[in-house]
PDB file of all heavy atoms in Angstrom:
ATOM      1  N   TYR A   1     -30.733  22.548  21.834  1.00  0.00           N
ATOM      2  CA  TYR A   1     -30.136  21.266  21.441  1.00  0.00           C
ATOM      3  C   TYR A   1     -29.830  21.306  19.939  1.00  0.00           C
ATOM      4  O   TYR A   1     -30.673  21.741  19.140  1.00  0.00           O
ATOM      5  CB  TYR A   1     -31.107  20.106  21.726  1.00  0.00           C
ATOM      6  CG  TYR A   1     -31.314  19.865  23.198  1.00  0.00           C
ATOM      7  CD1 TYR A   1     -32.330  20.541  23.884  1.00  0.00           C
ATOM      8  CD2 TYR A   1     -30.526  18.976  23.891  1.00  0.00           C
ATOM      9  CE1 TYR A   1     -32.532  20.327  25.236  1.00  0.00           C
ATOM     10  CE2 TYR A   1     -30.732  18.750  25.251  1.00  0.00           C
ATOM     11  CZ  TYR A   1     -31.713  19.420  25.915  1.00  0.00           C
ATOM     12  OH  TYR A   1     -31.930  19.190  27.245  1.00  0.00           O
ATOM     13  N   THR A   2     -28.631  20.846  19.596  1.00  0.00           N
ATOM     14  CA  THR A   2     -28.254  20.795  18.188  1.00  0.00           C
ATOM     15  C   THR A   2     -27.658  19.413  17.860  1.00  0.00           C
ATOM     16  O   THR A   2     -27.024  18.764  18.707  1.00  0.00           O
ATOM     17  CB  THR A   2     -27.209  21.859  17.849  1.00  0.00           C
ATOM     18  OG1 THR A   2     -26.066  21.678  18.683  1.00  0.00           O
ATOM     19  CG2 THR A   2     -27.770  23.266  18.026  1.00  0.00           C
ATOM     20  N   LEU A   3     -27.938  18.964  16.667  1.00  0.00           N
ATOM     21  CA  LEU A   3     -27.419  17.684  16.174  1.00  0.00           C
ATOM     22  C   LEU A   3     -26.520  17.956  14.980  1.00  0.00           C
ATOM     23  O   LEU A   3     -26.946  18.610  14.026  1.00  0.00           O
ATOM     24  CB  LEU A   3     -28.575  16.747  15.783  1.00  0.00           C
ATOM     25  CG  LEU A   3     -28.175  15.346  15.319  1.00  0.00           C
ATOM     26  CD1 LEU A   3     -27.555  14.547  16.470  1.00  0.00           C
ATOM     27  CD2 LEU A   3     -29.408  14.591  14.773  1.00  0.00           C
ATOM     28  N   GLY A   4     -25.283  17.440  15.077  1.00  0.00           N
ATOM     29  CA  GLY A   4     -24.321  17.729  14.031  1.00  0.00           C
ATOM     30  C   GLY A   4     -23.754  16.487  13.346  1.00  0.00           C
ATOM     31  O   GLY A   4     -23.681  15.423  13.961  1.00  0.00           O
ATOM     32  N   LEU A   5     -23.386  16.625  12.121  1.00  0.00           N
ATOM     33  CA  LEU A   5     -22.744  15.541  11.349  1.00  0.00           C
ATOM     34  C   LEU A   5     -21.369  16.029  10.903  1.00  0.00           C
ATOM     35  O   LEU A   5     -21.225  17.146  10.423  1.00  0.00           O
ATOM     36  CB  LEU A   5     -23.608  15.198  10.122  1.00  0.00           C
ATOM     37  CG  LEU A   5     -23.007  14.146   9.193  1.00  0.00           C
ATOM     38  CD1 LEU A   5     -22.908  12.790   9.876  1.00  0.00           C
ATOM     39  CD2 LEU A   5     -23.854  14.030   7.907  1.00  0.00           C
ATOM     40  N   LYS A   6     -20.363  15.130  11.051  1.00  0.00           N
ATOM     41  CA  LYS A   6     -18.994  15.526  10.725  1.00  0.00           C
ATOM     42  C   LYS A   6     -18.376  14.451   9.823  1.00  0.00           C
ATOM     43  O   LYS A   6     -18.442  13.256  10.106  1.00  0.00           O
ATOM     44  CB  LYS A   6     -18.176  15.655  11.999  1.00  0.00           C
ATOM     45  CG  LYS A   6     -16.714  16.045  11.771  1.00  0.00           C
ATOM     46  CD  LYS A   6     -15.973  16.144  13.103  1.00  0.00           C
ATOM     47  CE  LYS A   6     -14.525  16.509  12.879  1.00  0.00           C
ATOM     48  NZ  LYS A   6     -13.784  16.576  14.175  1.00  0.00           N
ATOM     49  N   LEU A   7     -17.785  14.870   8.746  1.00  0.00           N
ATOM     50  CA  LEU A   7     -17.055  14.003   7.808  1.00  0.00           C
ATOM     51  C   LEU A   7     -15.635  14.522   7.686  1.00  0.00           C
ATOM     52  O   LEU A   7     -15.418  15.722   7.510  1.00  0.00           O
ATOM     53  CB  LEU A   7     -17.736  13.972   6.441  1.00  0.00           C
ATOM     54  CG  LEU A   7     -19.169  13.419   6.376  1.00  0.00           C
ATOM     55  CD1 LEU A   7     -19.721  13.565   4.972  1.00  0.00           C
ATOM     56  CD2 LEU A   7     -19.224  11.983   6.837  1.00  0.00           C
ATOM     57  N   SER A   8     -14.665  13.604   7.738  1.00  0.00           N
ATOM     58  CA  SER A   8     -13.260  14.015   7.577  1.00  0.00           C
ATOM     59  C   SER A   8     -12.515  12.960   6.791  1.00  0.00           C
ATOM     60  O   SER A   8     -12.776  11.745   6.921  1.00  0.00           O
ATOM     61  CB  SER A   8     -12.593  14.241   8.931  1.00  0.00           C
ATOM     62  OG  SER A   8     -12.515  13.021   9.667  1.00  0.00           O
ATOM     63  N   ILE A   9     -11.604  13.432   5.971  1.00  0.00           N
ATOM     64  CA  ILE A   9     -10.782  12.543   5.160  1.00  0.00           C
ATOM     65  C   ILE A   9      -9.434  13.229   4.909  1.00  0.00           C
ATOM     66  O   ILE A   9      -9.398  14.410   4.584  1.00  0.00           O
ATOM     67  CB  ILE A   9     -11.473  12.173   3.827  1.00  0.00           C
ATOM     68  CG1 ILE A   9     -10.653  11.135   3.057  1.00  0.00           C
ATOM     69  CG2 ILE A   9     -11.740  13.400   2.987  1.00  0.00           C
ATOM     70  CD1 ILE A   9     -11.421  10.583   1.850  1.00  0.00           C
ATOM     71  N   PRO A  10      -8.332  12.508   5.086  1.00  0.00           N
ATOM     72  CA  PRO A  10      -7.016  13.106   4.800  1.00  0.00           C
ATOM     73  C   PRO A  10      -6.879  13.432   3.319  1.00  0.00           C
ATOM     74  O   PRO A  10      -7.406  12.727   2.461  1.00  0.00           O
ATOM     75  CB  PRO A  10      -6.029  12.038   5.243  1.00  0.00           C
ATOM     76  CG  PRO A  10      -6.786  11.140   6.179  1.00  0.00           C
ATOM     77  CD  PRO A  10      -8.195  11.160   5.695  1.00  0.00           C
ATOM     78  N   ILE A  11      -6.146  14.493   3.040  1.00  0.00           N
ATOM     79  CA  ILE A  11      -5.887  14.875   1.660  1.00  0.00           C
ATOM     80  C   ILE A  11      -4.536  14.289   1.278  1.00  0.00           C
ATOM     81  O   ILE A  11      -3.502  14.676   1.837  1.00  0.00           O
ATOM     82  CB  ILE A  11      -5.885  16.408   1.499  1.00  0.00           C
ATOM     83  CG1 ILE A  11      -7.219  16.970   1.949  1.00  0.00           C
ATOM     84  CG2 ILE A  11      -5.605  16.769   0.050  1.00  0.00           C
ATOM     85  CD1 ILE A  11      -7.277  18.487   1.931  1.00  0.00           C
ATOM     86  N   PRO A  12      -4.483  13.329   0.310  1.00  0.00           N
ATOM     87  CA  PRO A  12      -3.217  12.673  -0.042  1.00  0.00           C
ATOM     88  C   PRO A  12      -2.333  13.543  -0.911  1.00  0.00           C
ATOM     89  O   PRO A  12      -2.140  13.292  -2.109  1.00  0.00           O
ATOM     90  CB  PRO A  12      -3.705  11.429  -0.811  1.00  0.00           C
ATOM     91  CG  PRO A  12      -5.010  11.839  -1.408  1.00  0.00           C
ATOM     92  CD  PRO A  12      -5.642  12.809  -0.446  1.00  0.00           C
ATOM     93  N   VAL A  13      -1.793  14.585  -0.302  1.00  0.00           N
ATOM     94  CA  VAL A  13      -0.936  15.487  -1.037  1.00  0.00           C
ATOM     95  C   VAL A  13       0.516  14.999  -1.021  1.00  0.00           C
ATOM     96  O   VAL A  13       1.188  14.942  -2.045  1.00  0.00           O
ATOM     97  CB  VAL A  13      -1.029  16.923  -0.451  1.00  0.00           C
ATOM     98  CG1 VAL A  13      -0.040  17.851  -1.140  1.00  0.00           C
ATOM     99  CG2 VAL A  13      -2.448  17.450  -0.569  1.00  0.00           C
ATOM    100  N   PHE A  14       1.025  14.626   0.161  1.00  0.00           N
ATOM    101  CA  PHE A  14       2.416  14.241   0.310  1.00  0.00           C
ATOM    102  C   PHE A  14       2.591  12.708   0.346  1.00  0.00           C
ATOM    103  O   PHE A  14       3.477  12.184  -0.331  1.00  0.00           O
ATOM    104  CB  PHE A  14       2.982  14.868   1.568  1.00  0.00           C
ATOM    105  CG  PHE A  14       2.850  16.345   1.634  1.00  0.00           C
ATOM    106  CD1 PHE A  14       1.964  16.936   2.543  1.00  0.00           C
ATOM    107  CD2 PHE A  14       3.558  17.170   0.771  1.00  0.00           C
ATOM    108  CE1 PHE A  14       1.817  18.327   2.572  1.00  0.00           C
ATOM    109  CE2 PHE A  14       3.425  18.543   0.828  1.00  0.00           C
ATOM    110  CZ  PHE A  14       2.541  19.121   1.719  1.00  0.00           C
ATOM    111  N   ASP A  15       1.776  12.079   1.125  1.00  0.00           N
ATOM    112  CA  ASP A  15       1.894  10.613   1.303  1.00  0.00           C
ATOM    113  C   ASP A  15       0.773   9.923   0.563  1.00  0.00           C
ATOM    114  O   ASP A  15      -0.399   9.966   0.982  1.00  0.00           O
ATOM    115  CB  ASP A  15       1.878  10.263   2.803  1.00  0.00           C
ATOM    116  CG  ASP A  15       2.111   8.765   3.018  1.00  0.00           C
ATOM    117  OD1 ASP A  15       2.318   8.037   2.021  1.00  0.00           O
ATOM    118  OD2 ASP A  15       2.109   8.333   4.183  1.00  0.00           O
ATOM    119  N   ARG A  16       1.109   9.300  -0.537  1.00  0.00           N
ATOM    120  CA  ARG A  16       0.123   8.508  -1.295  1.00  0.00           C
ATOM    121  C   ARG A  16       0.524   7.022  -1.234  1.00  0.00           C
ATOM    122  O   ARG A  16       0.288   6.272  -2.170  1.00  0.00           O
ATOM    123  CB  ARG A  16       0.055   8.994  -2.743  1.00  0.00           C
ATOM    124  CG  ARG A  16      -0.460  10.410  -2.856  1.00  0.00           C
ATOM    125  CD  ARG A  16      -0.642  10.832  -4.323  1.00  0.00           C
ATOM    126  NE  ARG A  16       0.627  10.803  -5.068  1.00  0.00           N
ATOM    127  CZ  ARG A  16       1.512  11.795  -5.057  1.00  0.00           C
ATOM    128  NH1 ARG A  16       1.283  12.892  -4.359  1.00  0.00           N
ATOM    129  NH2 ARG A  16       2.628  11.702  -5.746  1.00  0.00           N
ATOM    130  N   ASN A  17       1.151   6.650  -0.125  1.00  0.00           N
ATOM    131  CA  ASN A  17       1.624   5.279   0.139  1.00  0.00           C
ATOM    132  C   ASN A  17       2.611   4.814  -0.940  1.00  0.00           C
ATOM    133  O   ASN A  17       2.649   3.632  -1.303  1.00  0.00           O
ATOM    134  CB  ASN A  17       0.429   4.315   0.217  1.00  0.00           C
ATOM    135  CG  ASN A  17       0.801   3.012   0.926  1.00  0.00           C
ATOM    136  OD1 ASN A  17       1.579   3.005   1.879  1.00  0.00           O
ATOM    137  ND2 ASN A  17       0.240   1.904   0.469  1.00  0.00           N
ATOM    138  N   GLN A  18       3.441   5.741  -1.390  1.00  0.00           N
ATOM    139  CA  GLN A  18       4.435   5.359  -2.393  1.00  0.00           C
ATOM    140  C   GLN A  18       5.389   4.288  -1.850  1.00  0.00           C
ATOM    141  O   GLN A  18       5.754   3.339  -2.556  1.00  0.00           O
ATOM    142  CB  GLN A  18       5.233   6.587  -2.854  1.00  0.00           C
ATOM    143  CG  GLN A  18       4.389   7.720  -3.419  1.00  0.00           C
ATOM    144  CD  GLN A  18       4.072   8.777  -2.383  1.00  0.00           C
ATOM    145  OE1 GLN A  18       3.731   8.436  -1.245  1.00  0.00           O
ATOM    146  NE2 GLN A  18       4.148  10.051  -2.782  1.00  0.00           N
ATOM    147  N   ALA A  19       5.813   4.499  -0.582  1.00  0.00           N
ATOM    148  CA  ALA A  19       6.753   3.514   0.014  1.00  0.00           C
ATOM    149  C   ALA A  19       6.120   2.147   0.171  1.00  0.00           C
ATOM    150  O   ALA A  19       6.757   1.118  -0.081  1.00  0.00           O
ATOM    151  CB  ALA A  19       7.232   4.048   1.373  1.00  0.00           C
ATOM    152  N   GLY A  20       4.850   2.121   0.558  1.00  0.00           N
ATOM    153  CA  GLY A  20       4.157   0.851   0.716  1.00  0.00           C
ATOM    154  C   GLY A  20       4.017   0.110  -0.593  1.00  0.00           C
ATOM    155  O   GLY A  20       4.188  -1.128  -0.655  1.00  0.00           O
ATOM    156  N   VAL A  21       3.715   0.834  -1.659  1.00  0.00           N
ATOM    157  CA  VAL A  21       3.614   0.222  -2.982  1.00  0.00           C
ATOM    158  C   VAL A  21       4.954  -0.338  -3.426  1.00  0.00           C
ATOM    159  O   VAL A  21       5.052  -1.458  -3.960  1.00  0.00           O
ATOM    160  CB  VAL A  21       3.067   1.228  -4.004  1.00  0.00           C
ATOM    161  CG1 VAL A  21       3.144   0.642  -5.425  1.00  0.00           C
ATOM    162  CG2 VAL A  21       1.633   1.608  -3.674  1.00  0.00           C
ATOM    163  N   GLN A  22       6.018   0.434  -3.228  1.00  0.00           N
ATOM    164  CA  GLN A  22       7.342  -0.016  -3.620  1.00  0.00           C
ATOM    165  C   GLN A  22       7.757  -1.271  -2.835  1.00  0.00           C
ATOM    166  O   GLN A  22       8.341  -2.233  -3.368  1.00  0.00           O
ATOM    167  CB  GLN A  22       8.363   1.106  -3.418  1.00  0.00           C
ATOM    168  CG  GLN A  22       9.773   0.745  -3.845  1.00  0.00           C
ATOM    169  CD  GLN A  22      10.738   1.902  -3.716  1.00  0.00           C
ATOM    170  OE1 GLN A  22      10.320   3.047  -3.562  1.00  0.00           O
ATOM    171  NE2 GLN A  22      12.019   1.628  -3.768  1.00  0.00           N
ATOM    172  N   GLU A  23       7.473  -1.251  -1.527  1.00  0.00           N
ATOM    173  CA  GLU A  23       7.803  -2.393  -0.690  1.00  0.00           C
ATOM    174  C   GLU A  23       7.017  -3.638  -1.132  1.00  0.00           C
ATOM    175  O   GLU A  23       7.574  -4.736  -1.206  1.00  0.00           O
ATOM    176  CB  GLU A  23       7.496  -2.077   0.759  1.00  0.00           C
ATOM    177  CG  GLU A  23       7.897  -3.167   1.739  1.00  0.00           C
ATOM    178  CD  GLU A  23       7.570  -2.797   3.175  1.00  0.00           C
ATOM    179  OE1 GLU A  23       7.001  -1.702   3.398  1.00  0.00           O
ATOM    180  OE2 GLU A  23       7.871  -3.595   4.067  1.00  0.00           O
ATOM    181  N   ALA A  24       5.722  -3.471  -1.408  1.00  0.00           N
ATOM    182  CA  ALA A  24       4.915  -4.607  -1.830  1.00  0.00           C
ATOM    183  C   ALA A  24       5.383  -5.151  -3.184  1.00  0.00           C
ATOM    184  O   ALA A  24       5.413  -6.363  -3.412  1.00  0.00           O
ATOM    185  CB  ALA A  24       3.440  -4.190  -1.920  1.00  0.00           C
ATOM    186  N   ARG A  25       5.795  -4.248  -4.086  1.00  0.00           N
ATOM    187  CA  ARG A  25       6.276  -4.699  -5.392  1.00  0.00           C
ATOM    188  C   ARG A  25       7.584  -5.481  -5.251  1.00  0.00           C
ATOM    189  O   ARG A  25       7.825  -6.472  -5.936  1.00  0.00           O
ATOM    190  CB  ARG A  25       6.446  -3.503  -6.339  1.00  0.00           C
ATOM    191  CG  ARG A  25       6.859  -3.899  -7.738  1.00  0.00           C
ATOM    192  CD  ARG A  25       6.816  -2.723  -8.701  1.00  0.00           C
ATOM    193  NE  ARG A  25       5.454  -2.359  -9.049  1.00  0.00           N
ATOM    194  CZ  ARG A  25       4.859  -1.220  -8.634  1.00  0.00           C
ATOM    195  NH1 ARG A  25       5.539  -0.334  -7.897  1.00  0.00           N
ATOM    196  NH2 ARG A  25       3.609  -0.960  -8.962  1.00  0.00           N
ATOM    197  N   ALA A  26       8.440  -5.016  -4.317  1.00  0.00           N
ATOM    198  CA  ALA A  26       9.710  -5.745  -4.072  1.00  0.00           C
ATOM    199  C   ALA A  26       9.423  -7.149  -3.551  1.00  0.00           C
ATOM    200  O   ALA A  26      10.066  -8.118  -3.953  1.00  0.00           O
ATOM    201  CB  ALA A  26      10.580  -4.961  -3.110  1.00  0.00           C
ATOM    202  N   ARG A  27       8.487  -7.263  -2.604  1.00  0.00           N
ATOM    203  CA  ARG A  27       8.146  -8.598  -2.085  1.00  0.00           C
ATOM    204  C   ARG A  27       7.524  -9.466  -3.162  1.00  0.00           C
ATOM    205  O   ARG A  27       7.752 -10.671  -3.196  1.00  0.00           O
ATOM    206  CB  ARG A  27       7.179  -8.454  -0.885  1.00  0.00           C
ATOM    207  CG  ARG A  27       7.831  -7.930   0.377  1.00  0.00           C
ATOM    208  CD  ARG A  27       6.975  -8.222   1.596  1.00  0.00           C
ATOM    209  NE  ARG A  27       5.697  -7.539   1.501  1.00  0.00           N
ATOM    210  CZ  ARG A  27       5.441  -6.331   2.014  1.00  0.00           C
ATOM    211  NH1 ARG A  27       6.405  -5.665   2.636  1.00  0.00           N
ATOM    212  NH2 ARG A  27       4.251  -5.770   1.910  1.00  0.00           N
ATOM    213  N   GLN A  28       6.751  -8.865  -4.025  1.00  0.00           N
ATOM    214  CA  GLN A  28       6.151  -9.612  -5.142  1.00  0.00           C
ATOM    215  C   GLN A  28       7.213 -10.171  -6.053  1.00  0.00           C
ATOM    216  O   GLN A  28       7.182 -11.361  -6.425  1.00  0.00           O
ATOM    217  CB  GLN A  28       5.184  -8.713  -5.907  1.00  0.00           C
ATOM    218  CG  GLN A  28       4.485  -9.394  -7.077  1.00  0.00           C
ATOM    219  CD  GLN A  28       3.778  -8.384  -7.984  1.00  0.00           C
ATOM    220  OE1 GLN A  28       4.333  -7.354  -8.293  1.00  0.00           O
ATOM    221  NE2 GLN A  28       2.545  -8.709  -8.361  1.00  0.00           N
ATOM    222  N   ASN A  29       8.173  -9.341  -6.412  1.00  0.00           N
ATOM    223  CA  ASN A  29       9.261  -9.793  -7.285  1.00  0.00           C
ATOM    224  C   ASN A  29      10.115 -10.866  -6.604  1.00  0.00           C
ATOM    225  O   ASN A  29      10.554 -11.827  -7.236  1.00  0.00           O
ATOM    226  CB  ASN A  29      10.132  -8.602  -7.695  1.00  0.00           C
ATOM    227  CG  ASN A  29       9.394  -7.607  -8.566  1.00  0.00           C
ATOM    228  OD1 ASN A  29       8.424  -7.962  -9.251  1.00  0.00           O
ATOM    229  ND2 ASN A  29       9.826  -6.362  -8.551  1.00  0.00           N
ATOM    230  N   SER A  30      10.342 -10.696  -5.310  1.00  0.00           N
ATOM    231  CA  SER A  30      11.126 -11.666  -4.566  1.00  0.00           C
ATOM    232  C   SER A  30      10.435 -13.019  -4.534  1.00  0.00           C
ATOM    233  O   SER A  30      11.058 -14.070  -4.741  1.00  0.00           O
ATOM    234  CB  SER A  30      11.383 -11.179  -3.149  1.00  0.00           C
ATOM    235  OG  SER A  30      12.027 -12.154  -2.367  1.00  0.00           O
ATOM    236  N   ALA A  31       9.124 -13.032  -4.286  1.00  0.00           N
ATOM    237  CA  ALA A  31       8.378 -14.290  -4.235  1.00  0.00           C
ATOM    238  C   ALA A  31       8.384 -14.978  -5.606  1.00  0.00           C
ATOM    239  O   ALA A  31       8.535 -16.203  -5.692  1.00  0.00           O
ATOM    240  CB  ALA A  31       6.934 -14.023  -3.800  1.00  0.00           C
ATOM    241  N   ALA A  32       8.266 -14.200  -6.669  1.00  0.00           N
ATOM    242  CA  ALA A  32       8.289 -14.793  -8.004  1.00  0.00           C
ATOM    243  C   ALA A  32       9.670 -15.385  -8.314  1.00  0.00           C
ATOM    244  O   ALA A  32       9.768 -16.464  -8.906  1.00  0.00           O
ATOM    245  CB  ALA A  32       7.936 -13.736  -9.059  1.00  0.00           C
ATOM    246  N   SER A  33      10.726 -14.708  -7.889  1.00  0.00           N
ATOM    247  CA  SER A  33      12.078 -15.241  -8.141  1.00  0.00           C
ATOM    248  C   SER A  33      12.312 -16.509  -7.352  1.00  0.00           C
ATOM    249  O   SER A  33      12.918 -17.462  -7.869  1.00  0.00           O
ATOM    250  CB  SER A  33      13.114 -14.177  -7.764  1.00  0.00           C
ATOM    251  OG  SER A  33      12.992 -13.012  -8.570  1.00  0.00           O
ATOM    252  N   ARG A  34      11.870 -16.529  -6.092  1.00  0.00           N
ATOM    253  CA  ARG A  34      12.068 -17.744  -5.261  1.00  0.00           C
ATOM    254  C   ARG A  34      11.278 -18.924  -5.837  1.00  0.00           C
ATOM    255  O   ARG A  34      11.745 -20.054  -5.798  1.00  0.00           O
ATOM    256  CB  ARG A  34      11.664 -17.456  -3.831  1.00  0.00           C
ATOM    257  CG  ARG A  34      12.699 -16.642  -3.065  1.00  0.00           C
ATOM    258  CD  ARG A  34      12.386 -16.506  -1.606  1.00  0.00           C
ATOM    259  NE  ARG A  34      11.372 -15.498  -1.383  1.00  0.00           N
ATOM    260  CZ  ARG A  34      10.172 -15.739  -0.875  1.00  0.00           C
ATOM    261  NH1 ARG A  34       9.839 -16.966  -0.562  1.00  0.00           N
ATOM    262  NH2 ARG A  34       9.323 -14.766  -0.691  1.00  0.00           N
ATOM    263  N   TRP A  35      10.102 -18.660  -6.367  1.00  0.00           N
ATOM    264  CA  TRP A  35       9.327 -19.750  -6.953  1.00  0.00           C
ATOM    265  C   TRP A  35      10.023 -20.300  -8.197  1.00  0.00           C
ATOM    266  O   TRP A  35      10.127 -21.505  -8.365  1.00  0.00           O
ATOM    267  CB  TRP A  35       7.929 -19.230  -7.325  1.00  0.00           C
ATOM    268  CG  TRP A  35       7.064 -20.294  -7.936  1.00  0.00           C
ATOM    269  CD1 TRP A  35       6.294 -21.210  -7.299  1.00  0.00           C
ATOM    270  CD2 TRP A  35       6.885 -20.571  -9.343  1.00  0.00           C
ATOM    271  NE1 TRP A  35       5.647 -22.041  -8.187  1.00  0.00           N
ATOM    272  CE2 TRP A  35       6.021 -21.667  -9.463  1.00  0.00           C
ATOM    273  CE3 TRP A  35       7.413 -20.007 -10.506  1.00  0.00           C
ATOM    274  CZ2 TRP A  35       5.642 -22.200 -10.696  1.00  0.00           C
ATOM    275  CZ3 TRP A  35       7.045 -20.520 -11.726  1.00  0.00           C
ATOM    276  CH2 TRP A  35       6.175 -21.607 -11.820  1.00  0.00           C
ATOM    277  N   ALA A  36      10.523 -19.399  -9.059  1.00  0.00           N
ATOM    278  CA  ALA A  36      11.204 -19.860 -10.278  1.00  0.00           C
ATOM    279  C   ALA A  36      12.481 -20.649  -9.920  1.00  0.00           C
ATOM    280  O   ALA A  36      12.788 -21.682 -10.540  1.00  0.00           O
ATOM    281  CB  ALA A  36      11.552 -18.671 -11.158  1.00  0.00           C
ATOM    282  N   ALA A  37      13.227 -20.163  -8.915  1.00  0.00           N
ATOM    283  CA  ALA A  37      14.420 -20.881  -8.500  1.00  0.00           C
ATOM    284  C   ALA A  37      14.071 -22.242  -7.905  1.00  0.00           C
ATOM    285  O   ALA A  37      14.813 -23.226  -8.128  1.00  0.00           O
ATOM    286  CB  ALA A  37      15.192 -20.040  -7.483  1.00  0.00           C
ATOM    287  N   ALA A  38      12.970 -22.316  -7.175  1.00  0.00           N
ATOM    288  CA  ALA A  38      12.554 -23.587  -6.587  1.00  0.00           C
ATOM    289  C   ALA A  38      12.182 -24.612  -7.667  1.00  0.00           C
ATOM    290  O   ALA A  38      12.454 -25.796  -7.513  1.00  0.00           O
ATOM    291  CB  ALA A  38      11.381 -23.363  -5.645  1.00  0.00           C
ATOM    292  N   VAL A  39      11.560 -24.163  -8.739  1.00  0.00           N
ATOM    293  CA  VAL A  39      11.206 -25.089  -9.834  1.00  0.00           C
ATOM    294  C   VAL A  39      12.483 -25.718 -10.404  1.00  0.00           C
ATOM    295  O   VAL A  39      12.539 -26.952 -10.597  1.00  0.00           O
ATOM    296  CB  VAL A  39      10.434 -24.340 -10.945  1.00  0.00           C
ATOM    297  CG1 VAL A  39      10.259 -25.222 -12.161  1.00  0.00           C
ATOM    298  CG2 VAL A  39       9.063 -23.893 -10.431  1.00  0.00           C
ATOM    299  N   ASN A  40      13.501 -24.917 -10.640  1.00  0.00           N
ATOM    300  CA  ASN A  40      14.752 -25.466 -11.172  1.00  0.00           C
ATOM    301  C   ASN A  40      15.420 -26.368 -10.144  1.00  0.00           C
ATOM    302  O   ASN A  40      15.975 -27.437 -10.508  1.00  0.00           O
ATOM    303  CB  ASN A  40      15.687 -24.304 -11.543  1.00  0.00           C
ATOM    304  CG  ASN A  40      15.177 -23.484 -12.713  1.00  0.00           C
ATOM    305  OD1 ASN A  40      14.467 -24.005 -13.578  1.00  0.00           O
ATOM    306  ND2 ASN A  40      15.538 -22.220 -12.756  1.00  0.00           N
TER     307      ASN A  40
END
């Protein structure tokens, strides 16, 4: 009988969620613009 422990984690070499960050920043800018326009 053997008992084993396994740990795994992806290595962020190619995908570091660059697209997700860019998309979130675009939505952030859009929300800020809509708020400013609404004030006026």
